[in-house]
């Protein structure tokens, strides 16, 4: 099977759910009356920080790896990633018994790079720019014949990410809103697609760092921002939104709200205190968006995608001391 050229559909999400079912966790939905009271709404947390490899990324990576036909899979897969997608792809590739190459930008979190290596990937380094990462990927592809599994623009990846929202919608009836973090747009566009297909009354909201608000600005302008310089503690959300992801978000009329880093870290700390669960900043931003934009969420039933829990423990004391 070759990588689809068209954007994914609801049927692709259903197919992804069936394909990854033997490998991915059906993660629990968590509740907290205390956080509900603070937020002024009813929150249902989809605990993707408890997913394999510690993040929702395993869903998309697993779907992409197992969608490949045997001939293409034999040459392995390659991607560029600063952490969670690389680890997820490495694990999915190991489960299928194929090679995985991950281009890691200089300056990536050591704990996340160590996780990628632990799952058996061959690491390649590049400069931190998107152009440098993509150029190194092309070089590895040329040398190995590996298939590129892009972190967020690959249609199989988007469809796989959409399975988290589909599971949540199947578990909790009557959700009014679904909130997901926005980085490259794989999760947010997959979430929006799932909401539109399986719960048309439920509206998707994206949460984006104010220091990396390219998607917010792109939607405001009506055209994708071509470049920006991110400044945020949310290391998983520093990526420019992908072209197909932006097109889906725009077509599905997704609203994106911005959140400053202090509010995100406060939400991360709150979730630890009230739920005894450690989530990374790129995940906590979804809760921070609810707490910081009460005018949108007050009195509603809200699903919150907690995207990951791969926290740099060495940096945690300094982060909470902000």
Protein backbone atom coordinates (compact mmCIF):
# COMPACT_ATOMS: atom_id res chain seq x y z
CA UNK A 1 0.00 0.00 0.00
CA UNK A 2 1.37 3.42 -0.96
CA UNK A 3 0.99 6.53 1.16
CA UNK A 4 -2.34 8.20 0.25
CA UNK A 5 -2.18 11.50 -1.60
CA UNK A 6 -5.53 12.73 -0.30
CA UNK A 7 -6.36 13.97 3.20
CA UNK A 8 -7.71 11.27 5.53
CA UNK A 9 -11.43 10.64 5.98
CA UNK A 10 -13.63 9.23 8.73
CA UNK A 11 -13.25 5.81 7.11
CA UNK A 12 -9.47 6.16 7.43
CA UNK A 13 -9.84 6.76 11.18
CA UNK A 14 -11.99 3.64 11.48
CA UNK A 15 -9.43 1.67 9.49
CA UNK A 16 -6.64 3.02 11.67
CA UNK A 17 -8.49 1.99 14.83
CA UNK A 18 -8.77 -1.59 13.55
CA UNK A 19 -5.14 -1.66 12.37
CA UNK A 20 -3.60 -0.46 15.64
CA UNK A 21 -5.97 -2.33 17.99
CA UNK A 22 -3.53 -5.24 18.59
CA UNK A 23 -0.74 -2.84 19.59
CA UNK A 24 -2.03 0.46 21.04
CA UNK A 25 -3.59 0.97 24.47
CA UNK A 26 -7.21 2.05 24.73
CA UNK A 27 -6.26 4.70 27.27
CA UNK A 28 -8.52 5.55 30.23
CA UNK A 29 -10.62 8.67 30.68
CA UNK A 30 -9.81 10.48 33.92
CA UNK A 31 -12.06 12.77 35.98
CA UNK A 32 -11.47 15.31 38.75
CA UNK A 33 -14.31 17.03 40.59
CA UNK A 34 -11.83 19.49 42.04
CA UNK A 35 -10.57 20.60 38.62
CA UNK A 36 -14.16 20.73 37.36
CA UNK A 37 -14.98 23.19 40.12
CA UNK A 38 -11.98 25.37 39.26
CA UNK A 39 -12.78 25.31 35.53
CA UNK A 40 -16.53 25.79 35.84
CA UNK A 41 -17.21 22.91 33.46
CA UNK A 42 -17.22 19.10 33.28
CA UNK A 43 -13.88 17.76 32.08
CA UNK A 44 -13.10 14.32 30.69
CA UNK A 45 -9.36 13.74 30.27
CA UNK A 46 -8.24 11.27 27.59
CA UNK A 47 -5.05 9.95 29.18
CA UNK A 48 -2.73 9.59 26.20
CA UNK A 49 0.24 10.15 28.51
CA UNK A 50 -0.43 6.52 29.46
CA UNK A 51 -0.20 5.39 25.83
CA UNK A 52 2.71 3.21 24.70
CA UNK A 53 5.90 5.28 24.35
CA UNK A 54 4.23 7.83 26.62
CA UNK A 55 2.27 9.83 24.04
CA UNK A 56 -0.55 9.83 21.49
CA UNK A 57 2.13 9.74 18.80
CA UNK A 58 2.21 5.94 18.95
CA UNK A 59 -1.24 5.81 17.36
CA UNK A 60 -0.22 7.58 14.16
CA UNK A 61 3.19 5.97 13.93
CA UNK A 62 1.75 2.50 14.46
CA UNK A 63 -0.93 3.06 11.83
CA UNK A 64 1.65 4.28 9.30
CA UNK A 65 4.07 1.41 9.92
CA UNK A 66 1.47 -1.35 9.70
CA UNK A 67 -0.25 0.22 6.67
CA UNK A 68 2.91 -0.29 4.56
CA UNK A 69 2.98 -3.28 2.26
CA UNK A 70 5.68 -5.86 2.92
CA UNK A 71 7.93 -4.71 0.08
CA UNK A 72 8.07 -1.10 1.27
CA UNK A 73 8.27 -2.05 4.92
CA UNK A 74 11.33 -4.21 4.28
CA UNK A 75 13.44 -1.10 3.63
CA UNK A 76 12.41 0.44 6.94
CA UNK A 77 11.10 3.86 7.87
CA UNK A 78 12.63 7.25 8.52
CA UNK A 79 11.44 10.45 10.16
CA UNK A 80 12.66 13.59 11.87
CA UNK A 81 11.64 14.21 15.46
CA UNK A 82 12.69 16.00 18.62
CA UNK A 83 11.18 13.28 20.76
CA UNK A 84 7.77 11.65 20.99
CA UNK A 85 7.16 10.83 17.32
CA UNK A 86 10.64 9.40 16.96
CA UNK A 87 10.16 7.13 19.96
CA UNK A 88 6.71 6.08 18.76
CA UNK A 89 7.94 5.27 15.26
CA UNK A 90 10.90 3.34 16.63
CA UNK A 91 8.60 1.24 18.81
CA UNK A 92 6.13 0.61 15.98
CA UNK A 93 8.98 -0.40 13.67
CA UNK A 94 10.39 -2.74 16.30
CA UNK A 95 6.97 -4.38 16.68
CA UNK A 96 6.89 -5.00 12.92
CA UNK A 97 10.52 -6.09 12.84
CA UNK A 98 11.80 -3.40 10.46
CA UNK A 99 14.51 -0.75 10.61
CA UNK A 100 13.83 2.77 11.83
CA UNK A 101 15.95 5.88 11.27
CA UNK A 102 15.28 9.08 13.21
CA UNK A 103 16.82 12.46 12.42
CA UNK A 104 17.17 14.29 15.72
CA UNK A 105 17.78 18.06 15.79
CA UNK A 106 20.65 19.40 17.84
CA UNK A 107 19.46 20.58 21.24
CA UNK A 108 16.60 18.07 21.59
CA UNK A 109 15.78 16.94 25.14
CA UNK A 110 18.25 14.26 26.16
CA UNK A 111 15.59 12.18 27.89
CA UNK A 112 13.49 12.02 24.72
CA UNK A 113 16.50 11.22 22.51
CA UNK A 114 17.44 8.44 24.93
CA UNK A 115 13.92 7.01 24.58
CA UNK A 116 14.21 6.96 20.78
CA UNK A 117 17.49 5.07 21.03
CA UNK A 118 16.08 2.67 23.63
CA UNK A 119 13.38 1.55 21.19
CA UNK A 120 16.07 0.58 18.70
CA UNK A 121 16.18 3.43 16.18
CA UNK A 122 19.33 4.48 14.36
CA UNK A 123 19.91 8.13 15.21
CA UNK A 124 21.09 10.84 12.81
CA UNK A 125 21.66 14.44 13.88
CA UNK A 126 20.94 17.66 12.04
CA UNK A 127 20.74 21.38 12.64
CA UNK A 128 17.48 22.33 14.40
CA UNK A 129 15.85 24.06 11.43
CA UNK A 130 13.02 22.35 9.57
CA UNK A 131 14.97 22.63 6.30
CA UNK A 132 18.00 20.91 7.83
CA UNK A 133 15.88 18.12 9.33
CA UNK A 134 14.12 17.46 6.05
CA UNK A 135 17.37 17.53 4.09
CA UNK A 136 18.90 14.94 6.40
CA UNK A 137 15.79 12.78 6.08
CA UNK A 138 16.11 12.91 2.29
CA UNK A 139 19.75 11.89 2.58
CA UNK A 140 18.87 8.88 4.77
CA UNK A 141 16.02 7.94 2.42
CA UNK A 142 18.34 7.99 -0.56
CA UNK A 143 20.90 5.82 1.20
CA UNK A 144 18.50 3.25 2.66
CA UNK A 145 15.29 3.26 0.61
CA UNK A 146 13.33 3.81 3.82
CA UNK A 147 9.81 5.26 3.67
CA UNK A 148 9.36 8.70 5.17
CA UNK A 149 6.76 8.78 7.94
CA UNK A 150 6.35 12.49 8.49
CA UNK A 151 5.49 13.44 12.09
CA UNK A 152 2.22 15.18 11.23
CA UNK A 153 1.50 15.58 7.50
CA UNK A 154 1.34 11.85 6.66
CA UNK A 155 -2.36 10.94 6.15
CA UNK A 156 -1.93 7.62 7.99
CA UNK A 157 -0.44 9.52 10.92
CA UNK A 158 -3.33 12.02 11.01
CA UNK A 159 -5.89 9.21 10.86
CA UNK A 160 -4.11 7.33 13.63
CA UNK A 161 -4.07 10.39 15.87
CA UNK A 162 -7.79 10.80 15.28
CA UNK A 163 -8.45 7.45 16.97
CA UNK A 164 -7.82 9.00 20.41
CA UNK A 165 -10.72 11.42 19.95
CA UNK A 166 -12.89 8.68 18.48
CA UNK A 167 -12.29 6.51 21.55
CA UNK A 168 -13.13 9.42 23.85
CA UNK A 169 -16.34 10.18 21.96
CA UNK A 170 -17.32 6.51 22.14
CA UNK A 171 -16.67 6.47 25.90
CA UNK A 172 -18.32 9.76 26.93
CA UNK A 173 -21.69 10.74 25.52
CA UNK A 174 -22.75 14.29 24.84
CA UNK A 175 -19.44 16.14 24.73
CA UNK A 176 -19.83 19.74 23.60
CA UNK A 177 -16.16 20.50 22.98
CA UNK A 178 -12.90 18.65 22.38
CA UNK A 179 -9.59 20.34 23.23
CA UNK A 180 -6.23 19.22 21.84
CA UNK A 181 -2.76 20.80 21.73
CA UNK A 182 -1.57 22.26 18.41
CA UNK A 183 1.97 21.89 17.12
CA UNK A 184 2.46 20.44 13.65
CA UNK A 185 -1.26 19.73 13.60
CA UNK A 186 -1.40 15.94 13.41
CA UNK A 187 -3.36 15.55 16.64
CA UNK A 188 -5.51 18.67 16.30
CA UNK A 189 -6.52 17.94 12.70
CA UNK A 190 -7.17 14.26 13.49
CA UNK A 191 -9.24 15.29 16.51
CA UNK A 192 -11.26 17.78 14.45
CA UNK A 193 -11.86 15.16 11.77
CA UNK A 194 -13.08 12.64 14.36
CA UNK A 195 -15.39 15.18 15.99
CA UNK A 196 -16.92 16.22 12.67
CA UNK A 197 -17.48 12.60 11.64
CA UNK A 198 -18.59 10.91 14.84
CA UNK A 199 -20.10 13.74 16.94
CA UNK A 200 -21.13 16.64 14.70
CA UNK A 201 -22.52 18.53 17.70
CA UNK A 202 -19.04 18.54 19.29
CA UNK A 203 -16.67 21.37 18.33
CA UNK A 204 -12.88 21.00 18.25
CA UNK A 205 -10.68 23.61 19.93
CA UNK A 206 -6.90 23.85 19.53
CA UNK A 207 -4.57 25.01 22.32
CA UNK A 208 -1.34 26.67 21.18
CA UNK A 209 1.51 28.40 23.07
CA UNK A 210 1.44 32.18 22.75
CA UNK A 211 5.17 31.93 22.00
CA UNK A 212 4.54 29.59 19.06
CA UNK A 213 1.16 30.75 17.79
CA UNK A 214 1.65 30.21 14.07
CA UNK A 215 -1.59 28.24 13.67
CA UNK A 216 -3.59 30.92 15.46
CA UNK A 217 -2.07 33.56 13.21
CA UNK A 218 -2.51 31.44 10.08
CA UNK A 219 -6.21 30.97 10.76
CA UNK A 220 -6.58 34.68 11.50
CA UNK A 221 -4.94 35.61 8.19
CA UNK A 222 -6.60 32.87 6.17
CA UNK A 223 -3.26 31.63 4.89
CA UNK A 224 -0.50 29.52 6.40
CA UNK A 225 2.37 31.39 8.03
CA UNK A 226 5.52 30.24 6.27
CA UNK A 227 8.02 30.64 9.09
CA UNK A 228 8.34 31.73 12.71
CA UNK A 229 10.70 31.52 15.68
CA UNK A 230 9.13 29.59 18.58
CA UNK A 231 9.69 30.58 22.20
CA UNK A 232 7.92 28.17 24.55
CA UNK A 233 8.55 25.50 27.17
CA UNK A 234 6.24 23.23 25.18
CA UNK A 235 8.99 21.48 23.24
CA UNK A 236 6.50 19.31 21.35
CA UNK A 237 4.62 22.35 20.01
CA UNK A 238 7.47 24.36 18.49
CA UNK A 239 6.79 23.09 14.98
CA UNK A 240 5.20 25.05 12.16
CA UNK A 241 1.74 23.68 11.38
CA UNK A 242 1.77 21.43 8.31
CA UNK A 243 0.07 22.43 5.08
CA UNK A 244 -2.47 19.56 4.99
CA UNK A 245 -3.09 19.98 8.70
CA UNK A 246 -3.80 23.68 8.32
CA UNK A 247 -6.11 22.95 5.41
CA UNK A 248 -8.09 20.48 7.56
CA UNK A 249 -8.25 22.84 10.53
CA UNK A 250 -9.46 25.64 8.30
CA UNK A 251 -12.02 23.51 6.47
CA UNK A 252 -13.40 22.12 9.73
CA UNK A 253 -13.55 25.63 11.28
CA UNK A 254 -11.42 24.78 14.28
CA UNK A 255 -10.91 27.59 16.76
CA UNK A 256 -7.39 27.92 18.17
CA UNK A 257 -6.73 29.72 21.46
CA UNK A 258 -3.35 30.77 22.80
CA UNK A 259 -1.90 30.10 26.25
CA UNK A 260 1.19 31.59 27.88
CA UNK A 261 3.84 29.30 29.35
CA UNK A 262 3.23 30.28 32.98
CA UNK A 263 -0.41 29.21 32.69
CA UNK A 264 0.65 25.94 31.06
CA UNK A 265 3.14 25.11 33.82
CA UNK A 266 0.51 26.00 36.44
CA UNK A 267 -1.94 23.58 34.78
CA UNK A 268 0.74 20.89 34.69
CA UNK A 269 1.32 21.36 38.41
CA UNK A 270 -2.41 21.41 39.16
CA UNK A 271 -2.96 18.12 37.36
CA UNK A 272 -0.13 16.54 39.31
CA UNK A 273 -1.56 17.82 42.60
CA UNK A 274 -5.18 16.85 41.97
CA UNK A 275 -4.87 13.72 39.81
CA UNK A 276 -1.41 12.45 40.83
CA UNK A 277 -0.49 12.25 37.13
CA UNK A 278 2.60 13.80 35.56
CA UNK A 279 2.01 15.25 32.09
CA UNK A 280 4.41 17.24 29.94
CA UNK A 281 3.90 20.95 29.19
CA UNK A 282 2.84 20.20 25.60
CA UNK A 283 0.00 18.18 27.12
CA UNK A 284 -0.89 20.46 30.04
CA UNK A 285 -1.58 23.32 27.62
CA UNK A 286 -4.96 21.73 26.81
CA UNK A 287 -6.06 22.03 30.44
CA UNK A 288 -4.53 25.51 30.66
CA UNK A 289 -6.64 26.57 27.67
CA UNK A 290 -9.82 25.52 29.50
CA UNK A 291 -8.81 27.32 32.69
CA UNK A 292 -7.74 30.45 30.82
CA UNK A 293 -10.66 30.79 28.41
CA UNK A 294 -13.68 30.25 30.66
CA UNK A 295 -15.92 32.17 28.28
CA UNK A 296 -15.66 29.28 25.81
CA UNK A 297 -15.93 26.32 28.19
CA UNK A 298 -18.11 27.42 31.13
CA UNK A 299 -20.95 25.02 31.84
CA UNK A 300 -20.01 22.65 28.99
CA UNK A 301 -19.05 18.97 28.82
CA UNK A 302 -15.48 19.04 27.57
CA UNK A 303 -13.11 16.34 26.36
CA UNK A 304 -9.42 17.10 26.87
CA UNK A 305 -6.73 15.17 25.01
CA UNK A 306 -3.73 14.82 27.34
CA UNK A 307 -1.17 14.25 24.64
CA UNK A 308 1.88 12.95 26.51
CA UNK A 309 3.80 12.39 29.71
CA UNK A 310 7.44 12.32 28.63
CA UNK A 311 8.74 14.90 31.07
CA UNK A 312 12.39 15.86 31.41
CA UNK A 313 12.68 15.01 35.12
CA UNK A 314 16.01 16.82 35.50
CA UNK A 315 14.35 20.06 34.39
CA UNK A 316 11.22 19.60 36.52
CA UNK A 317 12.37 21.50 39.66
CA UNK A 318 13.35 24.55 37.60
CA UNK A 319 10.14 24.37 35.61
CA UNK A 320 7.94 24.36 38.71
CA UNK A 321 10.02 27.13 40.27
CA UNK A 322 8.95 29.55 37.53
